[in-house]
Amino acid sequence: MPTRSAIAAALRHLAPKLPAHEFEAVVDHAMDSAGLSVASPENAAWLSLVAYARHTFTDYDALLADGYDRDSARFFVADELKALLAEWGVRRPLAPDE
């Protein structure tokens, strides 16, 4: 399992402009996710960042609740998610399946 400090270091590199309160929430998400316990710190940071941003700052969950499938909901929030990640200084592109 990646350590909290390793995930935090990877996240600082990945999203240098991420506000402090969001930073801690993303690291907490990574640490609490059983599925990320075997991920590298970099992957854990990335996957947590994307999931946190999608669920917290977009209409993704509302679209799912309205009956959209996962891929369609992700499609409809992709531009908003990309813009938010860019604001946080993320340079890594969002893959179509993320």
C-alpha atoms as a PDB file:
ATOM      1  CA  MET A   1       0.000   0.000   0.000  1.00  0.00           C
ATOM      2  CA  PRO A   2       1.383   3.403  -0.885  1.00  0.00           C
ATOM      3  CA  THR A   3       2.051   5.653   2.071  1.00  0.00           C
ATOM      4  CA  ARG A   4       0.186   8.892   2.671  1.00  0.00           C
ATOM      5  CA  SER A   5       3.390  10.889   2.205  1.00  0.00           C
ATOM      6  CA  ALA A   6       4.144   9.159  -1.116  1.00  0.00           C
ATOM      7  CA  ILE A   7       0.641   9.867  -2.436  1.00  0.00           C
ATOM      8  CA  ALA A   8       0.857  13.474  -1.220  1.00  0.00           C
ATOM      9  CA  ALA A   9       4.205  13.952  -2.972  1.00  0.00           C
ATOM     10  CA  ALA A  10       2.828  12.500  -6.208  1.00  0.00           C
ATOM     11  CA  LEU A  11      -0.272  14.702  -5.962  1.00  0.00           C
ATOM     12  CA  ARG A  12       1.804  17.859  -5.375  1.00  0.00           C
ATOM     13  CA  HIS A  13       3.711  17.094  -8.562  1.00  0.00           C
ATOM     14  CA  LEU A  14       0.562  16.199 -10.499  1.00  0.00           C
ATOM     15  CA  ALA A  15      -1.657  19.119  -9.428  1.00  0.00           C
ATOM     16  CA  PRO A  16       0.554  21.917  -8.085  1.00  0.00           C
ATOM     17  CA  LYS A  17      -2.290  24.462  -7.902  1.00  0.00           C
ATOM     18  CA  LEU A  18      -4.758  22.204  -6.079  1.00  0.00           C
ATOM     19  CA  PRO A  19      -6.150  24.124  -3.066  1.00  0.00           C
ATOM     20  CA  ALA A  20      -5.056  22.788   0.319  1.00  0.00           C
ATOM     21  CA  HIS A  21      -8.516  21.673   1.451  1.00  0.00           C
ATOM     22  CA  GLU A  22      -9.063  19.795  -1.827  1.00  0.00           C
ATOM     23  CA  PHE A  23      -5.554  18.363  -1.593  1.00  0.00           C
ATOM     24  CA  GLU A  24      -6.283  16.717   1.754  1.00  0.00           C
ATOM     25  CA  ALA A  25      -9.614  15.345   0.513  1.00  0.00           C
ATOM     26  CA  VAL A  26      -7.940  13.727  -2.506  1.00  0.00           C
ATOM     27  CA  VAL A  27      -5.217  12.152  -0.370  1.00  0.00           C
ATOM     28  CA  ASP A  28      -7.857  10.903   2.095  1.00  0.00           C
ATOM     29  CA  HIS A  29      -9.797   9.389  -0.809  1.00  0.00           C
ATOM     30  CA  ALA A  30      -6.703   7.572  -2.029  1.00  0.00           C
ATOM     31  CA  MET A  31      -5.912   6.245   1.431  1.00  0.00           C
ATOM     32  CA  ASP A  32      -9.500   5.082   2.034  1.00  0.00           C
ATOM     33  CA  SER A  33      -9.907   3.306  -1.306  1.00  0.00           C
ATOM     34  CA  ALA A  34      -9.319  -0.433  -1.048  1.00  0.00           C
ATOM     35  CA  GLY A  35      -8.883  -0.626  -4.803  1.00  0.00           C
ATOM     36  CA  LEU A  36      -5.949   1.789  -4.700  1.00  0.00           C
ATOM     37  CA  SER A  37      -4.050  -0.075  -1.997  1.00  0.00           C
ATOM     38  CA  VAL A  38      -2.025  -1.889  -4.661  1.00  0.00           C
ATOM     39  CA  ALA A  39      -1.544   1.120  -6.944  1.00  0.00           C
ATOM     40  CA  SER A  40       1.646   3.094  -7.255  1.00  0.00           C
ATOM     41  CA  PRO A  41       1.562   6.451  -5.463  1.00  0.00           C
ATOM     42  CA  GLU A  42       1.331   8.205  -8.832  1.00  0.00           C
ATOM     43  CA  ASN A  43      -1.619   6.116  -9.995  1.00  0.00           C
ATOM     44  CA  ALA A  44      -3.350   6.405  -6.636  1.00  0.00           C
ATOM     45  CA  ALA A  45      -2.964  10.193  -6.736  1.00  0.00           C
ATOM     46  CA  TRP A  46      -4.210  10.444 -10.328  1.00  0.00           C
ATOM     47  CA  LEU A  47      -7.196   8.139  -9.940  1.00  0.00           C
ATOM     48  CA  SER A  48      -8.225   9.784  -6.681  1.00  0.00           C
ATOM     49  CA  LEU A  49      -7.876  13.259  -8.149  1.00  0.00           C
ATOM     50  CA  VAL A  50     -10.019  12.428 -11.169  1.00  0.00           C
ATOM     51  CA  ALA A  51     -12.675  10.618  -9.132  1.00  0.00           C
ATOM     52  CA  TYR A  52     -12.823  13.350  -6.499  1.00  0.00           C
ATOM     53  CA  ALA A  53     -13.114  16.119  -9.082  1.00  0.00           C
ATOM     54  CA  ARG A  54     -15.726  14.255 -11.127  1.00  0.00           C
ATOM     55  CA  HIS A  55     -17.962  13.453  -8.162  1.00  0.00           C
ATOM     56  CA  THR A  56     -17.516  16.760  -6.335  1.00  0.00           C
ATOM     57  CA  PHE A  57     -17.408  19.405  -9.065  1.00  0.00           C
ATOM     58  CA  THR A  58     -19.470  18.052 -11.966  1.00  0.00           C
ATOM     59  CA  ASP A  59     -23.002  16.789 -12.577  1.00  0.00           C
ATOM     60  CA  TYR A  60     -21.718  13.220 -12.971  1.00  0.00           C
ATOM     61  CA  ASP A  61     -23.703  11.758 -10.058  1.00  0.00           C
ATOM     62  CA  ALA A  62     -26.870  13.596 -11.136  1.00  0.00           C
ATOM     63  CA  LEU A  63     -26.510  12.174 -14.633  1.00  0.00           C
ATOM     64  CA  LEU A  64     -26.154   8.667 -13.218  1.00  0.00           C
ATOM     65  CA  ALA A  65     -29.223   9.258 -11.045  1.00  0.00           C
ATOM     66  CA  ASP A  66     -31.113  10.384 -14.161  1.00  0.00           C
ATOM     67  CA  GLY A  67     -30.398   7.019 -15.785  1.00  0.00           C
ATOM     68  CA  TYR A  68     -27.325   7.740 -17.884  1.00  0.00           C
ATOM     69  CA  ASP A  69     -24.793   4.926 -18.047  1.00  0.00           C
ATOM     70  CA  ARG A  70     -21.292   5.536 -16.711  1.00  0.00           C
ATOM     71  CA  ASP A  71     -19.657   6.135 -20.085  1.00  0.00           C
ATOM     72  CA  SER A  72     -22.324   8.607 -21.200  1.00  0.00           C
ATOM     73  CA  ALA A  73     -22.168  10.501 -17.906  1.00  0.00           C
ATOM     74  CA  ARG A  74     -18.391  10.694 -18.184  1.00  0.00           C
ATOM     75  CA  PHE A  75     -18.672  11.977 -21.743  1.00  0.00           C
ATOM     76  CA  PHE A  76     -21.013  14.795 -20.727  1.00  0.00           C
ATOM     77  CA  VAL A  77     -18.774  16.014 -17.884  1.00  0.00           C
ATOM     78  CA  ALA A  78     -15.403  15.484 -19.616  1.00  0.00           C
ATOM     79  CA  ASP A  79     -14.890  19.081 -20.786  1.00  0.00           C
ATOM     80  CA  GLU A  80     -15.784  20.513 -17.389  1.00  0.00           C
ATOM     81  CA  LEU A  81     -13.476  18.015 -15.694  1.00  0.00           C
ATOM     82  CA  LYS A  82     -10.596  18.809 -18.070  1.00  0.00           C
ATOM     83  CA  ALA A  83     -11.004  22.538 -17.414  1.00  0.00           C
ATOM     84  CA  LEU A  84     -10.966  22.024 -13.651  1.00  0.00           C
ATOM     85  CA  LEU A  85      -7.876  19.829 -13.798  1.00  0.00           C
ATOM     86  CA  ALA A  86      -6.154  22.485 -15.919  1.00  0.00           C
ATOM     87  CA  GLU A  87      -6.981  25.133 -13.270  1.00  0.00           C
ATOM     88  CA  TRP A  88      -5.197  22.929 -10.746  1.00  0.00           C
ATOM     89  CA  GLY A  89      -2.097  22.830 -12.936  1.00  0.00           C
ATOM     90  CA  VAL A  90      -2.604  19.294 -14.215  1.00  0.00           C
ATOM     91  CA  ARG A  91      -0.873  18.733 -17.532  1.00  0.00           C
ATOM     92  CA  ARG A  92      -1.696  15.037 -17.884  1.00  0.00           C
ATOM     93  CA  PRO A  93      -4.457  14.494 -20.451  1.00  0.00           C
ATOM     94  CA  LEU A  94      -7.651  12.805 -19.386  1.00  0.00           C
ATOM     95  CA  ALA A  95      -7.968   9.502 -21.245  1.00  0.00           C
ATOM     96  CA  PRO A  96     -11.330   8.666 -22.857  1.00  0.00           C
ATOM     97  CA  ASP A  97     -11.912   5.834 -20.368  1.00  0.00           C
ATOM     98  CA  GLU A  98     -11.109   7.905 -17.281  1.00  0.00           C
END
